[in-house]
Amino acid sequence: MVKPDYKIEKIYYTIGEVAELFDVNQSLIRFWEKEFDILNPRKNKKGNRLFTKFDIENLKLIYHLVKERGFTLQGAKDKLKQNRENVVNTVQMIASLNQVKGFLLELKKEL
């Protein structure tokens, strides 16, 4: 699961930072970059990947479909092509529900 308290504040993130955010290996991020054409991080002169907020949002969609929902890579590609907006809405709704859950658990602890 993506770390819920992570705030995107910088313009560019390294692949290590992104991998830590999603709690996956850097090699998985590189693999998804090759498989999904919606991922297109910039590369500096040394060839290091630099991910923007938009790239991270796309990774959230891929992570949700592949890791949380169990889609195959081809199934995730098809879902993103057919109904990307529905996937975006679902991911946003889950994030909101997780925030509410966290708030309620914290409130329960205080009672």
C-alpha atoms as a PDB file:
ATOM      1  CA  MET A   1       0.000   0.000   0.000  1.00  0.00           C
ATOM      2  CA  VAL A   2       1.182   3.497  -0.754  1.00  0.00           C
ATOM      3  CA  LYS A   3       2.202   5.340   2.389  1.00  0.00           C
ATOM      4  CA  PRO A   4      -0.884   7.430   3.254  1.00  0.00           C
ATOM      5  CA  ASP A   5       0.930  10.267   5.007  1.00  0.00           C
ATOM      6  CA  TYR A   6       3.379  10.882   2.151  1.00  0.00           C
ATOM      7  CA  LYS A   7       3.111  14.406   0.758  1.00  0.00           C
ATOM      8  CA  ILE A   8       4.384  15.187  -2.709  1.00  0.00           C
ATOM      9  CA  GLU A   9       6.333  18.397  -2.200  1.00  0.00           C
ATOM     10  CA  LYS A  10       9.342  18.248  -4.479  1.00  0.00           C
ATOM     11  CA  ILE A  11       9.375  18.723  -8.237  1.00  0.00           C
ATOM     12  CA  TYR A  12      11.431  15.588  -8.951  1.00  0.00           C
ATOM     13  CA  TYR A  13      11.876  12.345  -7.045  1.00  0.00           C
ATOM     14  CA  THR A  14      14.551   9.720  -7.553  1.00  0.00           C
ATOM     15  CA  ILE A  15      13.659   6.139  -8.316  1.00  0.00           C
ATOM     16  CA  GLY A  16      14.818   5.202  -4.811  1.00  0.00           C
ATOM     17  CA  GLU A  17      12.385   7.651  -3.228  1.00  0.00           C
ATOM     18  CA  VAL A  18       9.554   6.408  -5.428  1.00  0.00           C
ATOM     19  CA  ALA A  19      10.342   2.767  -4.675  1.00  0.00           C
ATOM     20  CA  GLU A  20      10.325   3.561  -0.948  1.00  0.00           C
ATOM     21  CA  LEU A  21       6.982   5.353  -1.283  1.00  0.00           C
ATOM     22  CA  PHE A  22       5.391   2.254  -2.808  1.00  0.00           C
ATOM     23  CA  ASP A  23       7.463  -0.202  -0.750  1.00  0.00           C
ATOM     24  CA  VAL A  24       8.680  -2.018  -3.866  1.00  0.00           C
ATOM     25  CA  ASN A  25      12.053  -2.665  -5.467  1.00  0.00           C
ATOM     26  CA  GLN A  26      13.535  -0.149  -7.874  1.00  0.00           C
ATOM     27  CA  SER A  27      13.666  -2.891 -10.479  1.00  0.00           C
ATOM     28  CA  LEU A  28       9.858  -3.167 -10.385  1.00  0.00           C
ATOM     29  CA  ILE A  29       9.537   0.565 -11.069  1.00  0.00           C
ATOM     30  CA  ARG A  30      11.937   0.233 -14.028  1.00  0.00           C
ATOM     31  CA  PHE A  31       9.987  -2.803 -15.287  1.00  0.00           C
ATOM     32  CA  TRP A  32       6.661  -0.964 -15.079  1.00  0.00           C
ATOM     33  CA  GLU A  33       8.249   1.962 -16.915  1.00  0.00           C
ATOM     34  CA  LYS A  34       9.016  -0.362 -19.837  1.00  0.00           C
ATOM     35  CA  GLU A  35       5.584  -2.005 -19.738  1.00  0.00           C
ATOM     36  CA  PHE A  36       3.319   1.033 -19.305  1.00  0.00           C
ATOM     37  CA  ASP A  37       3.626   3.898 -21.757  1.00  0.00           C
ATOM     38  CA  ILE A  38       1.910   6.269 -19.294  1.00  0.00           C
ATOM     39  CA  LEU A  39       5.140   6.211 -17.263  1.00  0.00           C
ATOM     40  CA  ASN A  40       7.715   8.494 -18.765  1.00  0.00           C
ATOM     41  CA  PRO A  41      10.085   9.883 -16.134  1.00  0.00           C
ATOM     42  CA  ARG A  42      12.699  12.402 -17.168  1.00  0.00           C
ATOM     43  CA  LYS A  43      16.322  11.363 -17.160  1.00  0.00           C
ATOM     44  CA  ASN A  44      19.214  13.592 -16.224  1.00  0.00           C
ATOM     45  CA  LYS A  45      22.572  13.648 -18.012  1.00  0.00           C
ATOM     46  CA  LYS A  46      23.726  10.620 -16.029  1.00  0.00           C
ATOM     47  CA  GLY A  47      20.605   8.676 -17.018  1.00  0.00           C
ATOM     48  CA  ASN A  48      19.035   8.769 -13.550  1.00  0.00           C
ATOM     49  CA  ARG A  49      15.253   8.731 -13.591  1.00  0.00           C
ATOM     50  CA  LEU A  50      13.477  11.772 -12.195  1.00  0.00           C
ATOM     51  CA  PHE A  51       9.801  11.239 -11.405  1.00  0.00           C
ATOM     52  CA  THR A  52       7.288  14.096 -11.276  1.00  0.00           C
ATOM     53  CA  LYS A  53       4.044  14.267  -9.296  1.00  0.00           C
ATOM     54  CA  PHE A  54       2.217  13.193 -12.473  1.00  0.00           C
ATOM     55  CA  ASP A  55       4.477  10.124 -12.810  1.00  0.00           C
ATOM     56  CA  ILE A  56       3.784   9.203  -9.174  1.00  0.00           C
ATOM     57  CA  GLU A  57       0.032   9.547  -9.721  1.00  0.00           C
ATOM     58  CA  ASN A  58       0.315   7.177 -12.706  1.00  0.00           C
ATOM     59  CA  LEU A  59       2.313   4.751 -10.585  1.00  0.00           C
ATOM     60  CA  LYS A  60      -0.462   4.840  -7.975  1.00  0.00           C
ATOM     61  CA  LEU A  61      -2.926   3.717 -10.649  1.00  0.00           C
ATOM     62  CA  ILE A  62      -0.656   0.906 -11.813  1.00  0.00           C
ATOM     63  CA  TYR A  63       0.098  -0.160  -8.234  1.00  0.00           C
ATOM     64  CA  HIS A  64      -3.612  -0.223  -7.389  1.00  0.00           C
ATOM     65  CA  LEU A  65      -4.512  -2.365 -10.386  1.00  0.00           C
ATOM     66  CA  VAL A  66      -1.567  -4.777 -10.253  1.00  0.00           C
ATOM     67  CA  LYS A  67      -0.724  -5.097  -6.553  1.00  0.00           C
ATOM     68  CA  GLU A  68      -4.008  -4.345  -4.794  1.00  0.00           C
ATOM     69  CA  ARG A  69      -6.573  -5.613  -7.297  1.00  0.00           C
ATOM     70  CA  GLY A  70      -4.477  -8.455  -8.767  1.00  0.00           C
ATOM     71  CA  PHE A  71      -4.728  -7.503 -12.430  1.00  0.00           C
ATOM     72  CA  THR A  72      -2.265  -8.956 -14.894  1.00  0.00           C
ATOM     73  CA  LEU A  73      -0.050  -6.423 -16.630  1.00  0.00           C
ATOM     74  CA  GLN A  74      -2.093  -6.733 -19.813  1.00  0.00           C
ATOM     75  CA  GLY A  75      -5.322  -6.455 -17.849  1.00  0.00           C
ATOM     76  CA  ALA A  76      -4.066  -3.293 -16.141  1.00  0.00           C
ATOM     77  CA  LYS A  77      -3.014  -1.800 -19.492  1.00  0.00           C
ATOM     78  CA  ASP A  78      -6.432  -2.566 -20.968  1.00  0.00           C
ATOM     79  CA  LYS A  79      -8.271  -1.132 -17.948  1.00  0.00           C
ATOM     80  CA  LEU A  80      -6.242   2.100 -18.114  1.00  0.00           C
ATOM     81  CA  LYS A  81      -6.920   2.441 -21.838  1.00  0.00           C
ATOM     82  CA  GLN A  82     -10.636   1.654 -21.577  1.00  0.00           C
ATOM     83  CA  ASN A  83     -11.631   3.552 -18.466  1.00  0.00           C
ATOM     84  CA  ARG A  84      -8.780   5.507 -16.915  1.00  0.00           C
ATOM     85  CA  GLU A  85     -11.084   8.017 -15.221  1.00  0.00           C
ATOM     86  CA  ASN A  86     -12.909   5.250 -13.360  1.00  0.00           C
ATOM     87  CA  VAL A  87      -9.581   3.908 -12.055  1.00  0.00           C
ATOM     88  CA  VAL A  88      -8.535   7.431 -10.970  1.00  0.00           C
ATOM     89  CA  ASN A  89     -11.839   7.912  -9.138  1.00  0.00           C
ATOM     90  CA  THR A  90     -11.545   4.531  -7.423  1.00  0.00           C
ATOM     91  CA  VAL A  91      -7.999   5.234  -6.221  1.00  0.00           C
ATOM     92  CA  GLN A  92      -9.034   8.666  -4.921  1.00  0.00           C
ATOM     93  CA  MET A  93     -12.046   7.182  -3.138  1.00  0.00           C
ATOM     94  CA  ILE A  94      -9.909   4.509  -1.471  1.00  0.00           C
ATOM     95  CA  ALA A  95      -7.416   7.163  -0.318  1.00  0.00           C
ATOM     96  CA  SER A  96     -10.259   9.237   1.153  1.00  0.00           C
ATOM     97  CA  LEU A  97     -11.735   6.227   2.927  1.00  0.00           C
ATOM     98  CA  ASN A  98      -8.329   5.356   4.368  1.00  0.00           C
ATOM     99  CA  GLN A  99      -8.018   8.902   5.733  1.00  0.00           C
ATOM    100  CA  VAL A 100     -11.457   8.636   7.361  1.00  0.00           C
ATOM    101  CA  LYS A 101     -10.538   5.236   8.777  1.00  0.00           C
ATOM    102  CA  GLY A 102      -7.313   6.640  10.226  1.00  0.00           C
ATOM    103  CA  PHE A 103      -9.204   9.544  11.769  1.00  0.00           C
ATOM    104  CA  LEU A 104     -11.810   7.224  13.307  1.00  0.00           C
ATOM    105  CA  LEU A 105      -9.161   4.877  14.694  1.00  0.00           C
ATOM    106  CA  GLU A 106      -7.355   7.837  16.232  1.00  0.00           C
ATOM    107  CA  LEU A 107     -10.622   9.091  17.713  1.00  0.00           C
ATOM    108  CA  LYS A 108     -11.362   5.639  19.128  1.00  0.00           C
ATOM    109  CA  LYS A 109      -7.930   5.569  20.748  1.00  0.00           C
ATOM    110  CA  GLU A 110      -8.609   8.882  22.484  1.00  0.00           C
ATOM    111  CA  LEU A 111     -11.954   7.741  23.903  1.00  0.00           C
END
